[in-house]
mmCIF file of all heavy atoms, coordinates in Angstrom:
data_MODEL
# 
_entry.id   MODEL 
# 
loop_
_atom_site.group_PDB 
_atom_site.id 
_atom_site.type_symbol 
_atom_site.label_atom_id 
_atom_site.label_alt_id 
_atom_site.label_comp_id 
_atom_site.label_asym_id 
_atom_site.label_entity_id 
_atom_site.label_seq_id 
_atom_site.pdbx_PDB_ins_code 
_atom_site.Cartn_x 
_atom_site.Cartn_y 
_atom_site.Cartn_z 
_atom_site.occupancy 
_atom_site.B_iso_or_equiv 
_atom_site.pdbx_formal_charge 
_atom_site.auth_seq_id 
_atom_site.auth_comp_id 
_atom_site.auth_asym_id 
_atom_site.auth_atom_id 
_atom_site.pdbx_PDB_model_num 
ATOM 1   N N   . SER A 1 1  ? 0.839  -1.232 0.030  1.00 0.00 ? 1  SER A N   1 
ATOM 2   C CA  . SER A 1 1  ? 0.001  -0.004 -0.009 1.00 0.00 ? 1  SER A CA  1 
ATOM 3   C C   . SER A 1 1  ? 0.861  1.231  0.022  1.00 0.00 ? 1  SER A C   1 
ATOM 4   O O   . SER A 1 1  ? 0.638  2.184  -0.814 1.00 0.00 ? 1  SER A O   1 
ATOM 5   C CB  . SER A 1 1  ? -0.922 -0.008 1.248  1.00 0.00 ? 1  SER A CB  1 
ATOM 6   O OG  . SER A 1 1  ? -1.706 1.150  1.240  1.00 0.00 ? 1  SER A OG  1 
ATOM 7   N N   . TYR A 1 2  ? 1.855  1.283  0.910  1.00 0.00 ? 2  TYR A N   1 
ATOM 8   C CA  . TYR A 1 2  ? 2.749  2.447  0.953  1.00 0.00 ? 2  TYR A CA  1 
ATOM 9   C C   . TYR A 1 2  ? 3.712  2.562  -0.236 1.00 0.00 ? 2  TYR A C   1 
ATOM 10  O O   . TYR A 1 2  ? 4.254  3.623  -0.457 1.00 0.00 ? 2  TYR A O   1 
ATOM 11  C CB  . TYR A 1 2  ? 3.471  2.500  2.312  1.00 0.00 ? 2  TYR A CB  1 
ATOM 12  C CG  . TYR A 1 2  ? 2.525  2.511  3.478  1.00 0.00 ? 2  TYR A CG  1 
ATOM 13  C CD1 . TYR A 1 2  ? 2.687  1.682  4.621  1.00 0.00 ? 2  TYR A CD1 1 
ATOM 14  C CD2 . TYR A 1 2  ? 1.516  3.495  3.558  1.00 0.00 ? 2  TYR A CD2 1 
ATOM 15  C CE1 . TYR A 1 2  ? 1.803  1.766  5.620  1.00 0.00 ? 2  TYR A CE1 1 
ATOM 16  C CE2 . TYR A 1 2  ? 0.580  3.556  4.598  1.00 0.00 ? 2  TYR A CE2 1 
ATOM 17  C CZ  . TYR A 1 2  ? 0.773  2.658  5.665  1.00 0.00 ? 2  TYR A CZ  1 
ATOM 18  O OH  . TYR A 1 2  ? -0.151 2.704  6.739  1.00 0.00 ? 2  TYR A OH  1 
ATOM 19  N N   . SER A 1 3  ? 3.867  1.434  -0.931 1.00 0.00 ? 3  SER A N   1 
ATOM 20  C CA  . SER A 1 3  ? 4.692  1.514  -2.194 1.00 0.00 ? 3  SER A CA  1 
ATOM 21  C C   . SER A 1 3  ? 3.866  2.125  -3.335 1.00 0.00 ? 3  SER A C   1 
ATOM 22  O O   . SER A 1 3  ? 4.398  2.725  -4.193 1.00 0.00 ? 3  SER A O   1 
ATOM 23  C CB  . SER A 1 3  ? 5.175  0.059  -2.562 1.00 0.00 ? 3  SER A CB  1 
ATOM 24  O OG  . SER A 1 3  ? 6.009  -0.424 -1.587 1.00 0.00 ? 3  SER A OG  1 
ATOM 25  N N   . ILE A 1 4  ? 2.577  1.793  -3.296 1.00 0.00 ? 4  ILE A N   1 
ATOM 26  C CA  . ILE A 1 4  ? 1.685  2.417  -4.316 1.00 0.00 ? 4  ILE A CA  1 
ATOM 27  C C   . ILE A 1 4  ? 1.435  3.856  -4.090 1.00 0.00 ? 4  ILE A C   1 
ATOM 28  O O   . ILE A 1 4  ? 1.606  4.686  -4.967 1.00 0.00 ? 4  ILE A O   1 
ATOM 29  C CB  . ILE A 1 4  ? 0.337  1.577  -4.439 1.00 0.00 ? 4  ILE A CB  1 
ATOM 30  C CG1 . ILE A 1 4  ? 0.641  0.149  -4.956 1.00 0.00 ? 4  ILE A CG1 1 
ATOM 31  C CG2 . ILE A 1 4  ? -0.665 2.331  -5.305 1.00 0.00 ? 4  ILE A CG2 1 
ATOM 32  C CD1 . ILE A 1 4  ? -0.612 -0.750 -4.873 1.00 0.00 ? 4  ILE A CD1 1 
ATOM 33  N N   . TYR A 1 5  ? 1.054  4.163  -2.855 1.00 0.00 ? 5  TYR A N   1 
ATOM 34  C CA  . TYR A 1 5  ? 0.859  5.573  -2.459 1.00 0.00 ? 5  TYR A CA  1 
ATOM 35  C C   . TYR A 1 5  ? 2.083  6.111  -1.860 1.00 0.00 ? 5  TYR A C   1 
ATOM 36  O O   . TYR A 1 5  ? 2.210  6.333  -0.687 1.00 0.00 ? 5  TYR A O   1 
ATOM 37  C CB  . TYR A 1 5  ? -0.390 5.598  -1.477 1.00 0.00 ? 5  TYR A CB  1 
ATOM 38  C CG  . TYR A 1 5  ? -1.627 5.022  -2.028 1.00 0.00 ? 5  TYR A CG  1 
ATOM 39  C CD1 . TYR A 1 5  ? -2.097 3.843  -1.521 1.00 0.00 ? 5  TYR A CD1 1 
ATOM 40  C CD2 . TYR A 1 5  ? -2.346 5.603  -2.970 1.00 0.00 ? 5  TYR A CD2 1 
ATOM 41  C CE1 . TYR A 1 5  ? -3.271 3.248  -1.994 1.00 0.00 ? 5  TYR A CE1 1 
ATOM 42  C CE2 . TYR A 1 5  ? -3.518 5.070  -3.492 1.00 0.00 ? 5  TYR A CE2 1 
ATOM 43  C CZ  . TYR A 1 5  ? -3.979 3.905  -3.003 1.00 0.00 ? 5  TYR A CZ  1 
ATOM 44  O OH  . TYR A 1 5  ? -5.110 3.295  -3.507 1.00 0.00 ? 5  TYR A OH  1 
ATOM 45  N N   . LYS A 1 6  ? 3.104  6.293  -2.689 1.00 0.00 ? 6  LYS A N   1 
ATOM 46  C CA  . LYS A 1 6  ? 4.412  6.587  -2.197 1.00 0.00 ? 6  LYS A CA  1 
ATOM 47  C C   . LYS A 1 6  ? 4.688  8.092  -1.932 1.00 0.00 ? 6  LYS A C   1 
ATOM 48  O O   . LYS A 1 6  ? 5.681  8.446  -1.282 1.00 0.00 ? 6  LYS A O   1 
ATOM 49  C CB  . LYS A 1 6  ? 5.483  6.002  -3.110 1.00 0.00 ? 6  LYS A CB  1 
ATOM 50  C CG  . LYS A 1 6  ? 5.431  6.429  -4.582 1.00 0.00 ? 6  LYS A CG  1 
ATOM 51  C CD  . LYS A 1 6  ? 6.371  5.529  -5.392 1.00 0.00 ? 6  LYS A CD  1 
ATOM 52  C CE  . LYS A 1 6  ? 6.216  5.822  -6.868 1.00 0.00 ? 6  LYS A CE  1 
ATOM 53  N NZ  . LYS A 1 6  ? 7.036  4.881  -7.671 1.00 0.00 ? 6  LYS A NZ  1 
ATOM 54  N N   . LYS A 1 7  ? 3.843  8.928  -2.543 1.00 0.00 ? 7  LYS A N   1 
ATOM 55  C CA  . LYS A 1 7  ? 4.035  10.375 -2.157 1.00 0.00 ? 7  LYS A CA  1 
ATOM 56  C C   . LYS A 1 7  ? 3.456  10.622 -0.788 1.00 0.00 ? 7  LYS A C   1 
ATOM 57  O O   . LYS A 1 7  ? 2.284  10.281 -0.503 1.00 0.00 ? 7  LYS A O   1 
ATOM 58  C CB  . LYS A 1 7  ? 3.163  11.200 -3.184 1.00 0.00 ? 7  LYS A CB  1 
ATOM 59  C CG  . LYS A 1 7  ? 3.854  11.403 -4.552 1.00 0.00 ? 7  LYS A CG  1 
ATOM 60  C CD  . LYS A 1 7  ? 3.015  12.226 -5.476 1.00 0.00 ? 7  LYS A CD  1 
ATOM 61  C CE  . LYS A 1 7  ? 3.017  13.709 -5.026 1.00 0.00 ? 7  LYS A CE  1 
ATOM 62  N NZ  . LYS A 1 7  ? 2.176  14.520 -5.981 1.00 0.00 ? 7  LYS A NZ  1 
ATOM 63  N N   . ARG A 1 8  ? 4.305  11.150 0.095  1.00 0.00 ? 8  ARG A N   1 
ATOM 64  C CA  . ARG A 1 8  ? 3.822  11.418 1.473  1.00 0.00 ? 8  ARG A CA  1 
ATOM 65  C C   . ARG A 1 8  ? 4.653  12.543 2.126  1.00 0.00 ? 8  ARG A C   1 
ATOM 66  O O   . ARG A 1 8  ? 5.731  12.883 1.641  1.00 0.00 ? 8  ARG A O   1 
ATOM 67  C CB  . ARG A 1 8  ? 3.903  10.157 2.321  1.00 0.00 ? 8  ARG A CB  1 
ATOM 68  C CG  . ARG A 1 8  ? 5.339  9.603  2.510  1.00 0.00 ? 8  ARG A CG  1 
ATOM 69  C CD  . ARG A 1 8  ? 5.247  8.269  3.381  1.00 0.00 ? 8  ARG A CD  1 
ATOM 70  N NE  . ARG A 1 8  ? 4.615  7.275  2.664  1.00 0.00 ? 8  ARG A NE  1 
ATOM 71  C CZ  . ARG A 1 8  ? 5.312  6.230  2.042  1.00 0.00 ? 8  ARG A CZ  1 
ATOM 72  N NH1 . ARG A 1 8  ? 6.609  6.205  2.133  1.00 0.00 ? 8  ARG A NH1 1 
ATOM 73  N NH2 . ARG A 1 8  ? 4.681  5.329  1.384  1.00 0.00 ? 8  ARG A NH2 1 
ATOM 74  N N   . PRO A 1 9  ? 4.084  13.106 3.171  1.00 0.00 ? 9  PRO A N   1 
ATOM 75  C CA  . PRO A 1 9  ? 4.788  14.240 3.861  1.00 0.00 ? 9  PRO A CA  1 
ATOM 76  C C   . PRO A 1 9  ? 6.172  13.834 4.330  1.00 0.00 ? 9  PRO A C   1 
ATOM 77  O O   . PRO A 1 9  ? 6.431  12.677 4.670  1.00 0.00 ? 9  PRO A O   1 
ATOM 78  C CB  . PRO A 1 9  ? 3.864  14.506 5.062  1.00 0.00 ? 9  PRO A CB  1 
ATOM 79  C CG  . PRO A 1 9  ? 2.513  14.110 4.590  1.00 0.00 ? 9  PRO A CG  1 
ATOM 80  C CD  . PRO A 1 9  ? 2.768  12.853 3.732  1.00 0.00 ? 9  PRO A CD  1 
ATOM 81  N N   . LYS A 1 10 ? 7.115  14.775 4.329  1.00 0.00 ? 10 LYS A N   1 
ATOM 82  C CA  . LYS A 1 10 ? 8.539  14.552 4.644  1.00 0.00 ? 10 LYS A CA  1 
ATOM 83  C C   . LYS A 1 10 ? 8.655  14.236 6.165  1.00 0.00 ? 10 LYS A C   1 
ATOM 84  O O   . LYS A 1 10 ? 9.411  13.358 6.523  1.00 0.00 ? 10 LYS A O   1 
ATOM 85  C CB  . LYS A 1 10 ? 9.351  15.717 4.315  1.00 0.00 ? 10 LYS A CB  1 
ATOM 86  C CG  . LYS A 1 10 ? 9.558  15.951 2.804  1.00 0.00 ? 10 LYS A CG  1 
ATOM 87  C CD  . LYS A 1 10 ? 10.388 17.235 2.608  1.00 0.00 ? 10 LYS A CD  1 
ATOM 88  C CE  . LYS A 1 10 ? 10.452 17.572 1.160  1.00 0.00 ? 10 LYS A CE  1 
ATOM 89  N NZ  . LYS A 1 10 ? 11.160 18.854 0.940  1.00 0.00 ? 10 LYS A NZ  1 
ATOM 90  N N   . ASN A 1 11 ? 7.913  14.953 6.974  1.00 0.00 ? 11 ASN A N   1 
ATOM 91  C CA  . ASN A 1 11 ? 8.101  14.833 8.448  1.00 0.00 ? 11 ASN A CA  1 
ATOM 92  C C   . ASN A 1 11 ? 6.907  14.101 9.051  1.00 0.00 ? 11 ASN A C   1 
ATOM 93  O O   . ASN A 1 11 ? 5.894  14.694 9.389  1.00 0.00 ? 11 ASN A O   1 
ATOM 94  C CB  . ASN A 1 11 ? 8.214  16.200 9.052  1.00 0.00 ? 11 ASN A CB  1 
ATOM 95  C CG  . ASN A 1 11 ? 8.502  16.181 10.520 1.00 0.00 ? 11 ASN A CG  1 
ATOM 96  O OD1 . ASN A 1 11 ? 9.099  15.194 11.070 1.00 0.00 ? 11 ASN A OD1 1 
ATOM 97  N ND2 . ASN A 1 11 ? 8.083  17.183 11.225 1.00 0.00 ? 11 ASN A ND2 1 
ATOM 98  N N   . LEU A 1 12 ? 7.078  12.795 9.215  1.00 0.00 ? 12 LEU A N   1 
ATOM 99  C CA  . LEU A 1 12 ? 6.073  11.929 9.796  1.00 0.00 ? 12 LEU A CA  1 
ATOM 100 C C   . LEU A 1 12 ? 6.403  11.705 11.259 1.00 0.00 ? 12 LEU A C   1 
ATOM 101 O O   . LEU A 1 12 ? 7.498  11.282 11.588 1.00 0.00 ? 12 LEU A O   1 
ATOM 102 C CB  . LEU A 1 12 ? 5.907  10.589 9.075  1.00 0.00 ? 12 LEU A CB  1 
ATOM 103 C CG  . LEU A 1 12 ? 5.163  10.614 7.727  1.00 0.00 ? 12 LEU A CG  1 
ATOM 104 C CD1 . LEU A 1 12 ? 5.085  9.149  7.246  1.00 0.00 ? 12 LEU A CD1 1 
ATOM 105 C CD2 . LEU A 1 12 ? 3.831  11.200 7.812  1.00 0.00 ? 12 LEU A CD2 1 
ATOM 106 N N   . ILE A 1 13 ? 5.423  11.965 12.169 1.00 0.00 ? 13 ILE A N   1 
ATOM 107 C CA  . ILE A 1 13 ? 5.656  11.786 13.601 1.00 0.00 ? 13 ILE A CA  1 
ATOM 108 C C   . ILE A 1 13 ? 4.574  10.839 14.099 1.00 0.00 ? 13 ILE A C   1 
ATOM 109 O O   . ILE A 1 13 ? 3.402  10.876 13.757 1.00 0.00 ? 13 ILE A O   1 
ATOM 110 C CB  . ILE A 1 13 ? 5.476  13.122 14.376 1.00 0.00 ? 13 ILE A CB  1 
ATOM 111 C CG1 . ILE A 1 13 ? 6.517  14.131 13.799 1.00 0.00 ? 13 ILE A CG1 1 
ATOM 112 C CG2 . ILE A 1 13 ? 5.655  12.939 15.838 1.00 0.00 ? 13 ILE A CG2 1 
ATOM 113 C CD1 . ILE A 1 13 ? 6.256  15.543 14.340 1.00 0.00 ? 13 ILE A CD1 1 
ATOM 114 N N   . ALA A 1 14 ? 4.968  9.799  14.897 1.00 0.00 ? 14 ALA A N   1 
ATOM 115 C CA  . ALA A 1 14 ? 4.047  8.908  15.581 1.00 0.00 ? 14 ALA A CA  1 
ATOM 116 C C   . ALA A 1 14 ? 4.061  9.036  17.048 1.00 0.00 ? 14 ALA A C   1 
ATOM 117 O O   . ALA A 1 14 ? 5.176  9.109  17.677 1.00 0.00 ? 14 ALA A O   1 
ATOM 118 C CB  . ALA A 1 14 ? 4.391  7.488  15.179 1.00 0.00 ? 14 ALA A CB  1 
ATOM 119 N N   . VAL A 1 15 ? 2.910  9.139  17.688 1.00 0.00 ? 15 VAL A N   1 
ATOM 120 C CA  . VAL A 1 15 ? 2.796  9.214  19.134 1.00 0.00 ? 15 VAL A CA  1 
ATOM 121 C C   . VAL A 1 15 ? 2.080  8.001  19.633 1.00 0.00 ? 15 VAL A C   1 
ATOM 122 O O   . VAL A 1 15 ? 1.020  7.719  19.134 1.00 0.00 ? 15 VAL A O   1 
ATOM 123 C CB  . VAL A 1 15 ? 2.192  10.577 19.619 1.00 0.00 ? 15 VAL A CB  1 
ATOM 124 C CG1 . VAL A 1 15 ? 0.910  10.842 18.930 1.00 0.00 ? 15 VAL A CG1 1 
ATOM 125 C CG2 . VAL A 1 15 ? 2.085  10.583 21.149 1.00 0.00 ? 15 VAL A CG2 1 
ATOM 126 N N   . THR A 1 16 ? 2.671  7.289  20.567 1.00 0.00 ? 16 THR A N   1 
ATOM 127 C CA  . THR A 1 16 ? 2.001  6.122  21.148 1.00 0.00 ? 16 THR A CA  1 
ATOM 128 C C   . THR A 1 16 ? 2.013  6.160  22.641 1.00 0.00 ? 16 THR A C   1 
ATOM 129 O O   . THR A 1 16 ? 2.722  6.977  23.243 1.00 0.00 ? 16 THR A O   1 
ATOM 130 C CB  . THR A 1 16 ? 2.652  4.823  20.650 1.00 0.00 ? 16 THR A CB  1 
ATOM 131 O OG1 . THR A 1 16 ? 1.800  3.698  20.923 1.00 0.00 ? 16 THR A OG1 1 
ATOM 132 C CG2 . THR A 1 16 ? 3.997  4.565  21.269 1.00 0.00 ? 16 THR A CG2 1 
ATOM 133 N N   . GLY A 1 17 ? 1.200  5.308  23.304 1.00 0.00 ? 17 GLY A N   1 
ATOM 134 C CA  . GLY A 1 17 ? 1.101  5.370  24.762 1.00 0.00 ? 17 GLY A CA  1 
ATOM 135 C C   . GLY A 1 17 ? -0.386 5.136  25.153 1.00 0.00 ? 17 GLY A C   1 
ATOM 136 O O   . GLY A 1 17 ? -1.252 5.155  24.286 1.00 0.00 ? 17 GLY A O   1 
ATOM 137 N N   . THR A 1 18 ? -0.633 4.839  26.337 1.00 0.00 ? 18 THR A N   1 
ATOM 138 C CA  . THR A 1 18 ? -1.968 4.538  26.798 1.00 0.00 ? 18 THR A CA  1 
ATOM 139 C C   . THR A 1 18 ? -2.816 5.792  26.821 1.00 0.00 ? 18 THR A C   1 
ATOM 140 O O   . THR A 1 18 ? -3.844 5.905  26.281 1.00 0.00 ? 18 THR A O   1 
ATOM 141 C CB  . THR A 1 18 ? -2.011 3.904  28.205 1.00 0.00 ? 18 THR A CB  1 
ATOM 142 O OG1 . THR A 1 18 ? -1.196 2.693  28.210 1.00 0.00 ? 18 THR A OG1 1 
ATOM 143 C CG2 . THR A 1 18 ? -3.446 3.500  28.607 1.00 0.00 ? 18 THR A CG2 1 
ATOM 144 N N   . ASN A 1 19 ? -2.290 6.859  27.486 1.00 0.00 ? 19 ASN A N   1 
ATOM 145 C CA  . ASN A 1 19 ? -3.007 8.135  27.599 1.00 0.00 ? 19 ASN A CA  1 
ATOM 146 C C   . ASN A 1 19 ? -2.178 9.265  27.134 1.00 0.00 ? 19 ASN A C   1 
ATOM 147 O O   . ASN A 1 19 ? -0.926 9.205  27.085 1.00 0.00 ? 19 ASN A O   1 
ATOM 148 C CB  . ASN A 1 19 ? -3.294 8.334  29.132 1.00 0.00 ? 19 ASN A CB  1 
ATOM 149 C CG  . ASN A 1 19 ? -4.161 7.271  29.755 1.00 0.00 ? 19 ASN A CG  1 
ATOM 150 O OD1 . ASN A 1 19 ? -5.149 6.844  29.171 1.00 0.00 ? 19 ASN A OD1 1 
ATOM 151 N ND2 . ASN A 1 19 ? -3.675 6.733  30.899 1.00 0.00 ? 19 ASN A ND2 1 
ATOM 152 N N   . GLY A 1 20 ? -2.823 10.304 26.615 1.00 0.00 ? 20 GLY A N   1 
ATOM 153 C CA  . GLY A 1 20 ? -2.177 11.519 26.198 1.00 0.00 ? 20 GLY A CA  1 
ATOM 154 C C   . GLY A 1 20 ? -1.873 11.606 24.709 1.00 0.00 ? 20 GLY A C   1 
ATOM 155 O O   . GLY A 1 20 ? -1.410 12.683 24.239 1.00 0.00 ? 20 GLY A O   1 
ATOM 156 N N   . LYS A 1 21 ? -2.103 10.577 23.912 1.00 0.00 ? 21 LYS A N   1 
ATOM 157 C CA  . LYS A 1 21 ? -1.733 10.583 22.503 1.00 0.00 ? 21 LYS A CA  1 
ATOM 158 C C   . LYS A 1 21 ? -2.485 11.725 21.770 1.00 0.00 ? 21 LYS A C   1 
ATOM 159 O O   . LYS A 1 21 ? -1.830 12.516 21.056 1.00 0.00 ? 21 LYS A O   1 
ATOM 160 C CB  . LYS A 1 21 ? -2.124 9.270  21.836 1.00 0.00 ? 21 LYS A CB  1 
ATOM 161 C CG  . LYS A 1 21 ? -1.332 8.034  22.276 1.00 0.00 ? 21 LYS A CG  1 
ATOM 162 C CD  . LYS A 1 21 ? -1.577 6.853  21.445 1.00 0.00 ? 21 LYS A CD  1 
ATOM 163 C CE  . LYS A 1 21 ? -3.024 6.348  21.522 1.00 0.00 ? 21 LYS A CE  1 
ATOM 164 N NZ  . LYS A 1 21 ? -3.469 5.848  22.820 1.00 0.00 ? 21 LYS A NZ  1 
ATOM 165 N N   . SER A 1 22 ? -3.746 11.815 22.021 1.00 0.00 ? 22 SER A N   1 
ATOM 166 C CA  . SER A 1 22 ? -4.555 12.819 21.284 1.00 0.00 ? 22 SER A CA  1 
ATOM 167 C C   . SER A 1 22 ? -4.150 14.279 21.695 1.00 0.00 ? 22 SER A C   1 
ATOM 168 O O   . SER A 1 22 ? -4.081 15.149 20.846 1.00 0.00 ? 22 SER A O   1 
ATOM 169 C CB  . SER A 1 22 ? -6.075 12.656 21.541 1.00 0.00 ? 22 SER A CB  1 
ATOM 170 O OG  . SER A 1 22 ? -6.505 11.425 21.136 1.00 0.00 ? 22 SER A OG  1 
ATOM 171 N N   . SER A 1 23 ? -3.849 14.426 22.963 1.00 0.00 ? 23 SER A N   1 
ATOM 172 C CA  . SER A 1 23 ? -3.431 15.792 23.463 1.00 0.00 ? 23 SER A CA  1 
ATOM 173 C C   . SER A 1 23 ? -2.102 16.175 22.915 1.00 0.00 ? 23 SER A C   1 
ATOM 174 O O   . SER A 1 23 ? -1.929 17.316 22.417 1.00 0.00 ? 23 SER A O   1 
ATOM 175 C CB  . SER A 1 23 ? -3.359 15.760 25.022 1.00 0.00 ? 23 SER A CB  1 
ATOM 176 O OG  . SER A 1 23 ? -4.666 15.594 25.565 1.00 0.00 ? 23 SER A OG  1 
ATOM 177 N N   . VAL A 1 24 ? -1.091 15.238 22.916 1.00 0.00 ? 24 VAL A N   1 
ATOM 178 C CA  . VAL A 1 24 ? 0.240  15.559 22.309 1.00 0.00 ? 24 VAL A CA  1 
ATOM 179 C C   . VAL A 1 24 ? 0.062  15.921 20.886 1.00 0.00 ? 24 VAL A C   1 
ATOM 180 O O   . VAL A 1 24 ? 0.652  16.928 20.399 1.00 0.00 ? 24 VAL A O   1 
ATOM 181 C CB  . VAL A 1 24 ? 1.235  14.389 22.521 1.00 0.00 ? 24 VAL A CB  1 
ATOM 182 C CG1 . VAL A 1 24 ? 2.502  14.659 21.710 1.00 0.00 ? 24 VAL A CG1 1 
ATOM 183 C CG2 . VAL A 1 24 ? 1.491  14.186 24.011 1.00 0.00 ? 24 VAL A CG2 1 
ATOM 184 N N   . ALA A 1 25 ? -0.689 15.119 20.119 1.00 0.00 ? 25 ALA A N   1 
ATOM 185 C CA  . ALA A 1 25 ? -0.890 15.347 18.676 1.00 0.00 ? 25 ALA A CA  1 
ATOM 186 C C   . ALA A 1 25 ? -1.546 16.635 18.426 1.00 0.00 ? 25 ALA A C   1 
ATOM 187 O O   . ALA A 1 25 ? -1.118 17.413 17.489 1.00 0.00 ? 25 ALA A O   1 
ATOM 188 C CB  . ALA A 1 25 ? -1.740 14.171 18.130 1.00 0.00 ? 25 ALA A CB  1 
# 
């Protein structure tokens, strides 16, 4: 999928954890 849709933003950030993900994002 990501090989087909290969155009993507340069700066990708991932936030994980039980709580606080939505707030940090």
